[in-house]
Amino acid sequence: RLRWQLLRAPWDQPEGSEIDDIEDESMHFMALDENQKTVGVARLQFNSDSEAQVRYMAVASSHERQGIGRDLMFAIEAQARTSGRKLIV
């Protein structure tokens, strides 16, 4: 839901438009606050055997500038390396 609220709703896109046909092939990352509420999201998509792409990354405005985006990127980069990707776009 956070993906839609932050990345699609501001562009008047319908709920559900944040989901595409490679959801199940991608790796999803989520940051939770102390109440287990989702405050950050990101997706790592594999474009080829050597390239990965960061997609649908967002942090709730109430949690900006707390390092959540940085932590999500660290996790994504680590997973891309583990998966053998040499380039992240």
PDB file of N, CA and C in Angstrom:
ATOM      1  N   ARG A   1       0.825  -1.201   0.000  1.00  0.00           N
ATOM      2  CA  ARG A   1       0.000   0.000   0.000  1.00  0.00           C
ATOM      3  C   ARG A   1       0.869   1.265   0.000  1.00  0.00           C
ATOM      4  N   LEU A   2       1.971   1.240   0.752  1.00  0.00           N
ATOM      5  CA  LEU A   2       2.850   2.404   0.811  1.00  0.00           C
ATOM      6  C   LEU A   2       3.388   2.759  -0.573  1.00  0.00           C
ATOM      7  N   ARG A   3       3.716   1.749  -1.347  1.00  0.00           N
ATOM      8  CA  ARG A   3       4.193   1.989  -2.716  1.00  0.00           C
ATOM      9  C   ARG A   3       3.169   2.786  -3.506  1.00  0.00           C
ATOM     10  N   TRP A   4       1.931   2.386  -3.440  1.00  0.00           N
ATOM     11  CA  TRP A   4       0.884   3.096  -4.173  1.00  0.00           C
ATOM     12  C   TRP A   4       0.701   4.501  -3.607  1.00  0.00           C
ATOM     13  N   GLN A   5       0.615   4.626  -2.291  1.00  0.00           N
ATOM     14  CA  GLN A   5       0.372   5.926  -1.675  1.00  0.00           C
ATOM     15  C   GLN A   5       1.428   6.960  -2.045  1.00  0.00           C
ATOM     16  N   LEU A   6       2.695   6.561  -2.054  1.00  0.00           N
ATOM     17  CA  LEU A   6       3.766   7.520  -2.285  1.00  0.00           C
ATOM     18  C   LEU A   6       4.188   7.657  -3.742  1.00  0.00           C
ATOM     19  N   LEU A   7       4.063   6.591  -4.500  1.00  0.00           N
ATOM     20  CA  LEU A   7       4.612   6.605  -5.854  1.00  0.00           C
ATOM     21  C   LEU A   7       3.570   6.658  -6.963  1.00  0.00           C
ATOM     22  N   ARG A   8       2.355   6.305  -6.691  1.00  0.00           N
ATOM     23  CA  ARG A   8       1.360   6.255  -7.760  1.00  0.00           C
ATOM     24  C   ARG A   8       0.180   7.197  -7.518  1.00  0.00           C
ATOM     25  N   ALA A   9      -0.322   7.252  -6.290  1.00  0.00           N
ATOM     26  CA  ALA A   9      -1.476   8.105  -5.990  1.00  0.00           C
ATOM     27  C   ALA A   9      -1.223   9.575  -6.339  1.00  0.00           C
ATOM     28  N   PRO A  10      -0.033  10.126  -6.063  1.00  0.00           N
ATOM     29  CA  PRO A  10       0.195  11.537  -6.423  1.00  0.00           C
ATOM     30  C   PRO A  10       0.069  11.819  -7.922  1.00  0.00           C
ATOM     31  N   TRP A  11       0.177  10.794  -8.727  1.00  0.00           N
ATOM     32  CA  TRP A  11       0.058  10.928 -10.183  1.00  0.00           C
ATOM     33  C   TRP A  11      -1.327  10.493 -10.659  1.00  0.00           C
ATOM     34  N   ASP A  12      -2.280  10.382  -9.709  1.00  0.00           N
ATOM     35  CA  ASP A  12      -3.655   9.976 -10.018  1.00  0.00           C
ATOM     36  C   ASP A  12      -3.737   8.609 -10.692  1.00  0.00           C
ATOM     37  N   GLN A  13      -2.826   7.723 -10.309  1.00  0.00           N
ATOM     38  CA  GLN A  13      -2.844   6.361 -10.830  1.00  0.00           C
ATOM     39  C   GLN A  13      -3.706   5.502  -9.908  1.00  0.00           C
ATOM     40  N   PRO A  14      -4.440   4.561 -10.437  1.00  0.00           N
ATOM     41  CA  PRO A  14      -5.329   3.747  -9.610  1.00  0.00           C
ATOM     42  C   PRO A  14      -4.564   2.804  -8.680  1.00  0.00           C
ATOM     43  N   GLU A  15      -5.179   2.504  -7.563  1.00  0.00           N
ATOM     44  CA  GLU A  15      -4.584   1.518  -6.657  1.00  0.00           C
ATOM     45  C   GLU A  15      -4.476   0.199  -7.398  1.00  0.00           C
ATOM     46  N   GLY A  16      -3.333  -0.443  -7.277  1.00  0.00           N
ATOM     47  CA  GLY A  16      -3.051  -1.669  -8.014  1.00  0.00           C
ATOM     48  C   GLY A  16      -2.083  -1.425  -9.159  1.00  0.00           C
ATOM     49  N   SER A  17      -1.946  -0.161  -9.578  1.00  0.00           N
ATOM     50  CA  SER A  17      -1.030   0.159 -10.677  1.00  0.00           C
ATOM     51  C   SER A  17       0.433   0.031 -10.266  1.00  0.00           C
ATOM     52  N   GLU A  18       0.670  -0.087  -8.977  1.00  0.00           N
ATOM     53  CA  GLU A  18       2.039  -0.275  -8.484  1.00  0.00           C
ATOM     54  C   GLU A  18       2.498  -1.722  -8.612  1.00  0.00           C
ATOM     55  N   ILE A  19       1.625  -2.575  -9.027  1.00  0.00           N
ATOM     56  CA  ILE A  19       1.926  -4.001  -9.196  1.00  0.00           C
ATOM     57  C   ILE A  19       2.066  -4.288 -10.689  1.00  0.00           C
ATOM     58  N   ASP A  20       3.160  -4.932 -11.051  1.00  0.00           N
ATOM     59  CA  ASP A  20       3.352  -5.247 -12.465  1.00  0.00           C
ATOM     60  C   ASP A  20       3.555  -6.747 -12.653  1.00  0.00           C
ATOM     61  N   ASP A  21       3.861  -7.146 -13.867  1.00  0.00           N
ATOM     62  CA  ASP A  21       3.908  -8.569 -14.203  1.00  0.00           C
ATOM     63  C   ASP A  21       5.175  -9.288 -13.754  1.00  0.00           C
ATOM     64  N   ILE A  22       6.124  -8.585 -13.132  1.00  0.00           N
ATOM     65  CA  ILE A  22       7.312  -9.284 -12.639  1.00  0.00           C
ATOM     66  C   ILE A  22       7.454  -9.187 -11.120  1.00  0.00           C
ATOM     67  N   GLU A  23       6.373  -8.911 -10.432  1.00  0.00           N
ATOM     68  CA  GLU A  23       6.383  -8.850  -8.969  1.00  0.00           C
ATOM     69  C   GLU A  23       6.977 -10.114  -8.352  1.00  0.00           C
ATOM     70  N   ASP A  24       6.539 -11.255  -8.846  1.00  0.00           N
ATOM     71  CA  ASP A  24       6.966 -12.527  -8.265  1.00  0.00           C
ATOM     72  C   ASP A  24       8.405 -12.892  -8.622  1.00  0.00           C
ATOM     73  N   GLU A  25       8.970 -12.242  -9.618  1.00  0.00           N
ATOM     74  CA  GLU A  25      10.346 -12.508 -10.033  1.00  0.00           C
ATOM     75  C   GLU A  25      11.336 -11.565  -9.353  1.00  0.00           C
ATOM     76  N   SER A  26      10.828 -10.568  -8.658  1.00  0.00           N
ATOM     77  CA  SER A  26      11.655  -9.546  -8.028  1.00  0.00           C
ATOM     78  C   SER A  26      11.783  -9.809  -6.535  1.00  0.00           C
ATOM     79  N   MET A  27      12.748  -9.147  -5.912  1.00  0.00           N
ATOM     80  CA  MET A  27      12.927  -9.249  -4.469  1.00  0.00           C
ATOM     81  C   MET A  27      12.408  -7.961  -3.842  1.00  0.00           C
ATOM     82  N   HIS A  28      11.616  -8.115  -2.803  1.00  0.00           N
ATOM     83  CA  HIS A  28      10.987  -6.969  -2.148  1.00  0.00           C
ATOM     84  C   HIS A  28      11.622  -6.746  -0.778  1.00  0.00           C
ATOM     85  N   PHE A  29      11.814  -5.476  -0.448  1.00  0.00           N
ATOM     86  CA  PHE A  29      12.411  -5.072   0.817  1.00  0.00           C
ATOM     87  C   PHE A  29      11.453  -4.112   1.508  1.00  0.00           C
ATOM     88  N   MET A  30      11.393  -4.221   2.836  1.00  0.00           N
ATOM     89  CA  MET A  30      10.463  -3.409   3.597  1.00  0.00           C
ATOM     90  C   MET A  30      11.107  -3.003   4.916  1.00  0.00           C
ATOM     91  N   ALA A  31      10.909  -1.751   5.295  1.00  0.00           N
ATOM     92  CA  ALA A  31      11.368  -1.265   6.591  1.00  0.00           C
ATOM     93  C   ALA A  31      10.155  -1.034   7.468  1.00  0.00           C
ATOM     94  N   LEU A  32      10.247  -1.501   8.706  1.00  0.00           N
ATOM     95  CA  LEU A  32       9.151  -1.361   9.667  1.00  0.00           C
ATOM     96  C   LEU A  32       9.584  -0.454  10.811  1.00  0.00           C
ATOM     97  N   ASP A  33       8.613   0.268  11.371  1.00  0.00           N
ATOM     98  CA  ASP A  33       8.933   1.066  12.549  1.00  0.00           C
ATOM     99  C   ASP A  33       8.748   0.214  13.804  1.00  0.00           C
ATOM    100  N   GLU A  34       8.880   0.833  14.951  1.00  0.00           N
ATOM    101  CA  GLU A  34       8.794   0.096  16.223  1.00  0.00           C
ATOM    102  C   GLU A  34       7.416  -0.508  16.476  1.00  0.00           C
ATOM    103  N   ASN A  35       6.391  -0.040  15.742  1.00  0.00           N
ATOM    104  CA  ASN A  35       5.037  -0.584  15.866  1.00  0.00           C
ATOM    105  C   ASN A  35       4.698  -1.565  14.749  1.00  0.00           C
ATOM    106  N   GLN A  36       5.723  -1.975  14.006  1.00  0.00           N
ATOM    107  CA  GLN A  36       5.580  -2.907  12.885  1.00  0.00           C
ATOM    108  C   GLN A  36       4.779  -2.323  11.728  1.00  0.00           C
ATOM    109  N   LYS A  37       4.763  -1.007  11.625  1.00  0.00           N
ATOM    110  CA  LYS A  37       4.115  -0.325  10.505  1.00  0.00           C
ATOM    111  C   LYS A  37       5.148  -0.137   9.387  1.00  0.00           C
ATOM    112  N   THR A  38       4.751  -0.388   8.156  1.00  0.00           N
ATOM    113  CA  THR A  38       5.643  -0.228   7.021  1.00  0.00           C
ATOM    114  C   THR A  38       5.948   1.248   6.809  1.00  0.00           C
ATOM    115  N   VAL A  39       7.236   1.589   6.807  1.00  0.00           N
ATOM    116  CA  VAL A  39       7.658   2.983   6.620  1.00  0.00           C
ATOM    117  C   VAL A  39       8.603   3.149   5.430  1.00  0.00           C
ATOM    118  N   GLY A  40       9.027   2.060   4.836  1.00  0.00           N
ATOM    119  CA  GLY A  40       9.891   2.132   3.662  1.00  0.00           C
ATOM    120  C   GLY A  40       9.772   0.862   2.845  1.00  0.00           C
ATOM    121  N   VAL A  41       9.863   1.009   1.534  1.00  0.00           N
ATOM    122  CA  VAL A  41       9.765  -0.137   0.627  1.00  0.00           C
ATOM    123  C   VAL A  41      10.723   0.043  -0.543  1.00  0.00           C
ATOM    124  N   ALA A  42      11.122  -1.044  -1.125  1.00  0.00           N
ATOM    125  CA  ALA A  42      11.932  -1.030  -2.336  1.00  0.00           C
ATOM    126  C   ALA A  42      11.848  -2.401  -2.990  1.00  0.00           C
ATOM    127  N   ARG A  43      12.129  -2.407  -4.284  1.00  0.00           N
ATOM    128  CA  ARG A  43      12.115  -3.669  -5.017  1.00  0.00           C
ATOM    129  C   ARG A  43      13.394  -3.774  -5.829  1.00  0.00           C
ATOM    130  N   LEU A  44      13.964  -4.965  -5.833  1.00  0.00           N
ATOM    131  CA  LEU A  44      15.134  -5.269  -6.653  1.00  0.00           C
ATOM    132  C   LEU A  44      14.681  -6.186  -7.769  1.00  0.00           C
ATOM    133  N   GLN A  45      14.875  -5.712  -8.975  1.00  0.00           N
ATOM    134  CA  GLN A  45      14.454  -6.475 -10.141  1.00  0.00           C
ATOM    135  C   GLN A  45      15.714  -6.905 -10.893  1.00  0.00           C
ATOM    136  N   PHE A  46      15.704  -8.102 -11.410  1.00  0.00           N
ATOM    137  CA  PHE A  46      16.854  -8.631 -12.134  1.00  0.00           C
ATOM    138  C   PHE A  46      16.626  -8.482 -13.633  1.00  0.00           C
ATOM    139  N   ASN A  47      17.406  -7.602 -14.254  1.00  0.00           N
ATOM    140  CA  ASN A  47      17.265  -7.346 -15.691  1.00  0.00           C
ATOM    141  C   ASN A  47      18.009  -8.360 -16.543  1.00  0.00           C
ATOM    142  N   SER A  48      19.102  -8.894 -16.003  1.00  0.00           N
ATOM    143  CA  SER A  48      19.896  -9.899 -16.709  1.00  0.00           C
ATOM    144  C   SER A  48      20.759 -10.615 -15.683  1.00  0.00           C
ATOM    145  N   ASP A  49      21.607 -11.511 -16.161  1.00  0.00           N
ATOM    146  CA  ASP A  49      22.498 -12.221 -15.237  1.00  0.00           C
ATOM    147  C   ASP A  49      23.532 -11.296 -14.606  1.00  0.00           C
ATOM    148  N   SER A  50      23.755 -10.138 -15.211  1.00  0.00           N
ATOM    149  CA  SER A  50      24.770  -9.223 -14.682  1.00  0.00           C
ATOM    150  C   SER A  50      24.201  -7.909 -14.152  1.00  0.00           C
ATOM    151  N   GLU A  51      22.923  -7.629 -14.400  1.00  0.00           N
ATOM    152  CA  GLU A  51      22.356  -6.330 -14.045  1.00  0.00           C
ATOM    153  C   GLU A  51      21.089  -6.459 -13.210  1.00  0.00           C
ATOM    154  N   ALA A  52      21.012  -5.631 -12.168  1.00  0.00           N
ATOM    155  CA  ALA A  52      19.819  -5.524 -11.336  1.00  0.00           C
ATOM    156  C   ALA A  52      19.346  -4.074 -11.362  1.00  0.00           C
ATOM    157  N   GLN A  53      18.095  -3.867 -11.002  1.00  0.00           N
ATOM    158  CA  GLN A  53      17.542  -2.517 -11.021  1.00  0.00           C
ATOM    159  C   GLN A  53      16.722  -2.280  -9.758  1.00  0.00           C
ATOM    160  N   VAL A  54      16.903  -1.103  -9.163  1.00  0.00           N
ATOM    161  CA  VAL A  54      16.101  -0.692  -8.010  1.00  0.00           C
ATOM    162  C   VAL A  54      14.823  -0.067  -8.549  1.00  0.00           C
ATOM    163  N   ARG A  55      13.697  -0.536  -8.053  1.00  0.00           N
ATOM    164  CA  ARG A  55      12.399  -0.020  -8.495  1.00  0.00           C
ATOM    165  C   ARG A  55      11.517   0.231  -7.283  1.00  0.00           C
ATOM    166  N   TYR A  56      10.547   1.084  -7.448  1.00  0.00           N
ATOM    167  CA  TYR A  56       9.503   1.319  -6.457  1.00  0.00           C
ATOM    168  C   TYR A  56      10.041   1.574  -5.047  1.00  0.00           C
ATOM    169  N   MET A  57      11.032   2.417  -4.938  1.00  0.00           N
ATOM    170  CA  MET A  57      11.610   2.712  -3.624  1.00  0.00           C
ATOM    171  C   MET A  57      10.962   3.969  -3.066  1.00  0.00           C
ATOM    172  N   ALA A  58      10.534   3.898  -1.799  1.00  0.00           N
ATOM    173  CA  ALA A  58       9.894   5.042  -1.151  1.00  0.00           C
ATOM    174  C   ALA A  58      10.019   4.911   0.360  1.00  0.00           C
ATOM    175  N   VAL A  59      10.076   6.069   1.021  1.00  0.00           N
ATOM    176  CA  VAL A  59      10.081   6.135   2.475  1.00  0.00           C
ATOM    177  C   VAL A  59       8.966   7.100   2.882  1.00  0.00           C
ATOM    178  N   ALA A  60       8.170   6.712   3.856  1.00  0.00           N
ATOM    179  CA  ALA A  60       7.086   7.563   4.349  1.00  0.00           C
ATOM    180  C   ALA A  60       7.656   8.910   4.785  1.00  0.00           C
ATOM    181  N   SER A  61       6.965   9.986   4.451  1.00  0.00           N
ATOM    182  CA  SER A  61       7.465  11.326   4.778  1.00  0.00           C
ATOM    183  C   SER A  61       7.698  11.498   6.274  1.00  0.00           C
ATOM    184  N   SER A  62       6.918  10.819   7.086  1.00  0.00           N
ATOM    185  CA  SER A  62       7.080  10.910   8.539  1.00  0.00           C
ATOM    186  C   SER A  62       8.371  10.262   9.026  1.00  0.00           C
ATOM    187  N   HIS A  63       9.031   9.511   8.161  1.00  0.00           N
ATOM    188  CA  HIS A  63      10.261   8.801   8.540  1.00  0.00           C
ATOM    189  C   HIS A  63      11.460   9.161   7.670  1.00  0.00           C
ATOM    190  N   GLU A  64      11.337  10.238   6.920  1.00  0.00           N
ATOM    191  CA  GLU A  64      12.451  10.672   6.086  1.00  0.00           C
ATOM    192  C   GLU A  64      13.606  11.160   6.955  1.00  0.00           C
ATOM    193  N   ARG A  65      14.805  11.107   6.396  1.00  0.00           N
ATOM    194  CA  ARG A  65      16.031  11.591   7.039  1.00  0.00           C
ATOM    195  C   ARG A  65      16.375  10.832   8.331  1.00  0.00           C
ATOM    196  N   GLN A  66      15.994   9.551   8.338  1.00  0.00           N
ATOM    197  CA  GLN A  66      16.331   8.697   9.471  1.00  0.00           C
ATOM    198  C   GLN A  66      17.223   7.531   9.038  1.00  0.00           C
ATOM    199  N   GLY A  67      17.664   7.543   7.798  1.00  0.00           N
ATOM    200  CA  GLY A  67      18.542   6.496   7.301  1.00  0.00           C
ATOM    201  C   GLY A  67      17.823   5.281   6.752  1.00  0.00           C
ATOM    202  N   ILE A  68      16.518   5.339   6.651  1.00  0.00           N
ATOM    203  CA  ILE A  68      15.757   4.180   6.170  1.00  0.00           C
ATOM    204  C   ILE A  68      16.059   3.890   4.705  1.00  0.00           C
ATOM    205  N   GLY A  69      16.073   4.916   3.871  1.00  0.00           N
ATOM    206  CA  GLY A  69      16.401   4.729   2.462  1.00  0.00           C
ATOM    207  C   GLY A  69      17.808   4.184   2.284  1.00  0.00           C
ATOM    208  N   ARG A  70      18.736   4.707   3.066  1.00  0.00           N
ATOM    209  CA  ARG A  70      20.123   4.228   3.018  1.00  0.00           C
ATOM    210  C   ARG A  70      20.188   2.748   3.397  1.00  0.00           C
ATOM    211  N   ASP A  71      19.492   2.379   4.461  1.00  0.00           N
ATOM    212  CA  ASP A  71      19.496   0.982   4.905  1.00  0.00           C
ATOM    213  C   ASP A  71      18.860   0.064   3.862  1.00  0.00           C
ATOM    214  N   LEU A  72      17.795   0.529   3.228  1.00  0.00           N
ATOM    215  CA  LEU A  72      17.185  -0.265   2.156  1.00  0.00           C
ATOM    216  C   LEU A  72      18.178  -0.459   1.012  1.00  0.00           C
ATOM    217  N   MET A  73      18.887   0.599   0.641  1.00  0.00           N
ATOM    218  CA  MET A  73      19.874   0.484  -0.443  1.00  0.00           C
ATOM    219  C   MET A  73      21.018  -0.454  -0.070  1.00  0.00           C
ATOM    220  N   PHE A  74      21.479  -0.398   1.178  1.00  0.00           N
ATOM    221  CA  PHE A  74      22.528  -1.330   1.611  1.00  0.00           C
ATOM    222  C   PHE A  74      22.057  -2.769   1.458  1.00  0.00           C
ATOM    223  N   ALA A  75      20.815  -3.043   1.866  1.00  0.00           N
ATOM    224  CA  ALA A  75      20.266  -4.400   1.760  1.00  0.00           C
ATOM    225  C   ALA A  75      20.124  -4.822   0.298  1.00  0.00           C
ATOM    226  N   ILE A  76      19.659  -3.907  -0.536  1.00  0.00           N
ATOM    227  CA  ILE A  76      19.506  -4.192  -1.965  1.00  0.00           C
ATOM    228  C   ILE A  76      20.860  -4.476  -2.608  1.00  0.00           C
ATOM    229  N   GLU A  77      21.840  -3.634  -2.308  1.00  0.00           N
ATOM    230  CA  GLU A  77      23.173  -3.834  -2.881  1.00  0.00           C
ATOM    231  C   GLU A  77      23.771  -5.170  -2.450  1.00  0.00           C
ATOM    232  N   ALA A  78      23.597  -5.523  -1.190  1.00  0.00           N
ATOM    233  CA  ALA A  78      24.118  -6.799  -0.696  1.00  0.00           C
ATOM    234  C   ALA A  78      23.449  -7.964  -1.419  1.00  0.00           C
ATOM    235  N   GLN A  79      22.145  -7.881  -1.605  1.00  0.00           N
ATOM    236  CA  GLN A  79      21.428  -8.955  -2.295  1.00  0.00           C
ATOM    237  C   GLN A  79      21.834  -9.045  -3.761  1.00  0.00           C
ATOM    238  N   ALA A  80      22.022  -7.909  -4.391  1.00  0.00           N
ATOM    239  CA  ALA A  80      22.458  -7.919  -5.796  1.00  0.00           C
ATOM    240  C   ALA A  80      23.820  -8.590  -5.925  1.00  0.00           C
ATOM    241  N   ARG A  81      24.733  -8.266  -5.010  1.00  0.00           N
ATOM    242  CA  ARG A  81      26.063  -8.905  -5.047  1.00  0.00           C
ATOM    243  C   ARG A  81      25.940 -10.409  -4.818  1.00  0.00           C
ATOM    244  N   THR A  82      25.162 -10.799  -3.829  1.00  0.00           N
ATOM    245  CA  THR A  82      24.959 -12.216  -3.527  1.00  0.00           C
ATOM    246  C   THR A  82      24.379 -12.952  -4.731  1.00  0.00           C
ATOM    247  N   SER A  83      23.547 -12.271  -5.493  1.00  0.00           N
ATOM    248  CA  SER A  83      22.922 -12.859  -6.677  1.00  0.00           C
ATOM    249  C   SER A  83      23.829 -12.814  -7.898  1.00  0.00           C
ATOM    250  N   GLY A  84      25.042 -12.272  -7.746  1.00  0.00           N
ATOM    251  CA  GLY A  84      26.007 -12.260  -8.830  1.00  0.00           C
ATOM    252  C   GLY A  84      25.873 -11.094  -9.800  1.00  0.00           C
ATOM    253  N   ARG A  85      25.033 -10.118  -9.497  1.00  0.00           N
ATOM    254  CA  ARG A  85      24.899  -8.961 -10.382  1.00  0.00           C
ATOM    255  C   ARG A  85      26.068  -8.016 -10.159  1.00  0.00           C
ATOM    256  N   LYS A  86      26.611  -7.502 -11.238  1.00  0.00           N
ATOM    257  CA  LYS A  86      27.763  -6.613 -11.183  1.00  0.00           C
ATOM    258  C   LYS A  86      27.372  -5.151 -11.324  1.00  0.00           C
ATOM    259  N   LEU A  87      26.169  -4.886 -11.834  1.00  0.00           N
ATOM    260  CA  LEU A  87      25.711  -3.527 -12.080  1.00  0.00           C
ATOM    261  C   LEU A  87      24.313  -3.357 -11.508  1.00  0.00           C
ATOM    262  N   ILE A  88      24.103  -2.240 -10.814  1.00  0.00           N
ATOM    263  CA  ILE A  88      22.767  -1.891 -10.332  1.00  0.00           C
ATOM    264  C   ILE A  88      22.392  -0.562 -10.968  1.00  0.00           C
ATOM    265  N   VAL A  89      21.229  -0.533 -11.572  1.00  0.00           N
ATOM    266  CA  VAL A  89      20.717   0.709 -12.156  1.00  0.00           C
ATOM    267  C   VAL A  89      19.453   1.123 -11.431  1.00  0.00           C
TER     268      VAL A  89
END
